[in-house]
C-alpha atoms as a PDB file:
ATOM      1  CA  MET A   1      33.467  46.757  35.282  1.00  0.00           C
ATOM      2  CA  GLN A   2      35.495  44.812  32.679  1.00  0.00           C
ATOM      3  CA  HIS A   3      34.504  41.131  32.072  1.00  0.00           C
ATOM      4  CA  ILE A   4      36.888  38.402  31.103  1.00  0.00           C
ATOM      5  CA  ARG A   5      35.661  34.873  30.027  1.00  0.00           C
ATOM      6  CA  PHE A   6      38.408  32.451  30.837  1.00  0.00           C
ATOM      7  CA  GLU A   7      38.035  29.031  29.269  1.00  0.00           C
ATOM      8  CA  LEU A   8      39.771  26.062  30.909  1.00  0.00           C
ATOM      9  CA  GLU A   9      41.711  23.694  28.630  1.00  0.00           C
ATOM     10  CA  PRO A  10      39.407  20.720  27.968  1.00  0.00           C
ATOM     11  CA  ASP A  11      41.492  18.283  30.058  1.00  0.00           C
ATOM     12  CA  ARG A  12      41.624  20.634  33.131  1.00  0.00           C
ATOM     13  CA  GLU A  13      39.113  20.696  35.943  1.00  0.00           C
ATOM     14  CA  HIS A  14      40.568  23.802  37.730  1.00  0.00           C
ATOM     15  CA  VAL A  15      43.162  26.508  37.572  1.00  0.00           C
ATOM     16  CA  GLU A  16      45.040  27.795  40.629  1.00  0.00           C
ATOM     17  CA  LEU A  17      44.094  31.346  41.526  1.00  0.00           C
ATOM     18  CA  ASN A  18      47.523  32.916  41.224  1.00  0.00           C
ATOM     19  CA  GLN A  19      47.953  31.335  37.756  1.00  0.00           C
ATOM     20  CA  LEU A  20      44.407  32.493  36.673  1.00  0.00           C
ATOM     21  CA  LEU A  21      45.469  36.103  37.391  1.00  0.00           C
ATOM     22  CA  LYS A  22      48.613  35.530  35.231  1.00  0.00           C
ATOM     23  CA  LEU A  23      46.781  33.803  32.372  1.00  0.00           C
ATOM     24  CA  ALA A  24      43.960  36.460  32.326  1.00  0.00           C
ATOM     25  CA  GLY A  25      46.733  39.143  31.864  1.00  0.00           C
ATOM     26  CA  LEU A  26      46.155  40.816  35.283  1.00  0.00           C
ATOM     27  CA  CYS A  27      49.732  40.317  36.491  1.00  0.00           C
ATOM     28  CA  ASP A  28      53.107  39.347  34.833  1.00  0.00           C
ATOM     29  CA  SER A  29      53.884  36.180  36.845  1.00  0.00           C
ATOM     30  CA  GLY A  30      52.455  33.628  39.200  1.00  0.00           C
ATOM     31  CA  GLY A  31      54.608  35.015  41.962  1.00  0.00           C
ATOM     32  CA  MET A  32      53.122  38.415  41.510  1.00  0.00           C
ATOM     33  CA  GLY A  33      49.657  36.696  41.444  1.00  0.00           C
ATOM     34  CA  LYS A  34      50.470  35.229  44.777  1.00  0.00           C
ATOM     35  CA  ALA A  35      51.303  38.664  46.229  1.00  0.00           C
ATOM     36  CA  ILE A  36      48.088  40.088  44.831  1.00  0.00           C
ATOM     37  CA  VAL A  37      46.067  37.286  46.449  1.00  0.00           C
ATOM     38  CA  ALA A  38      47.961  37.618  49.773  1.00  0.00           C
ATOM     39  CA  SER A  39      47.171  41.351  49.876  1.00  0.00           C
ATOM     40  CA  GLY A  40      43.487  40.565  50.185  1.00  0.00           C
ATOM     41  CA  ALA A  41      42.539  42.302  46.860  1.00  0.00           C
ATOM     42  CA  VAL A  42      40.907  39.171  45.180  1.00  0.00           C
ATOM     43  CA  GLU A  43      37.385  37.969  45.634  1.00  0.00           C
ATOM     44  CA  VAL A  44      36.104  34.598  44.638  1.00  0.00           C
ATOM     45  CA  ASP A  45      32.397  34.332  44.424  1.00  0.00           C
ATOM     46  CA  GLY A  46      31.957  37.486  46.490  1.00  0.00           C
ATOM     47  CA  GLU A  47      34.278  36.483  49.324  1.00  0.00           C
ATOM     48  CA  VAL A  48      37.887  37.633  49.888  1.00  0.00           C
ATOM     49  CA  GLU A  49      40.215  34.737  49.014  1.00  0.00           C
ATOM     50  CA  LEU A  50      43.650  34.592  50.680  1.00  0.00           C
ATOM     51  CA  ARG A  51      44.730  31.075  49.506  1.00  0.00           C
ATOM     52  CA  LYS A  52      47.090  31.758  46.753  1.00  0.00           C
ATOM     53  CA  THR A  53      46.683  28.397  45.023  1.00  0.00           C
ATOM     54  CA  CYS A  54      42.902  28.132  45.651  1.00  0.00           C
ATOM     55  CA  LYS A  55      41.406  25.881  42.859  1.00  0.00           C
ATOM     56  CA  ILE A  56      39.117  27.828  40.706  1.00  0.00           C
ATOM     57  CA  ARG A  57      36.573  25.685  38.893  1.00  0.00           C
ATOM     58  CA  PRO A  58      34.056  26.440  36.070  1.00  0.00           C
ATOM     59  CA  GLY A  59      31.195  28.575  37.258  1.00  0.00           C
ATOM     60  CA  GLN A  60      33.139  30.592  39.703  1.00  0.00           C
ATOM     61  CA  ARG A  61      33.790  34.314  39.399  1.00  0.00           C
ATOM     62  CA  VAL A  62      36.963  36.092  40.421  1.00  0.00           C
ATOM     63  CA  VAL A  63      37.057  39.894  40.958  1.00  0.00           C
ATOM     64  CA  LEU A  64      40.233  41.992  41.120  1.00  0.00           C
ATOM     65  CA  GLU A  65      39.625  45.795  41.360  1.00  0.00           C
ATOM     66  CA  ASP A  66      37.302  46.562  38.417  1.00  0.00           C
ATOM     67  CA  VAL A  67      37.868  43.305  36.507  1.00  0.00           C
ATOM     68  CA  GLU A  68      35.627  40.267  36.728  1.00  0.00           C
ATOM     69  CA  ILE A  69      36.812  36.841  35.490  1.00  0.00           C
ATOM     70  CA  GLU A  70      34.186  34.187  34.665  1.00  0.00           C
ATOM     71  CA  VAL A  71      35.770  30.738  34.516  1.00  0.00           C
ATOM     72  CA  VAL A  72      33.993  28.226  32.058  1.00  0.00           C
ATOM     73  CA  SER A  73      34.757  24.756  30.900  1.00  0.00           C
ATOM     74  CA  GLY A  74      36.867  24.225  27.814  1.00  0.00           C
ATOM     75  CA  GLN A  75      35.275  22.339  24.814  1.00  0.00           C
ATOM     76  CA  ALA A  76      36.833  18.981  24.061  1.00  0.00           C
END
């Protein structure tokens, strides 16, 4: 499994799930990210997540196929 460490910008408390997929390079656009989430292919902390704009916070893990994204706080 490929692991990606995604660091939030220091002034951000969360990132929307569809945007996280885009920013991590797993899809080309936020719209494509929404479609991927809607298909049931994304898990957040081990559970299938269907809310496209679910707020992902530091400490959460997102899995899409064989890629795991670890979200961490950015440094100020």
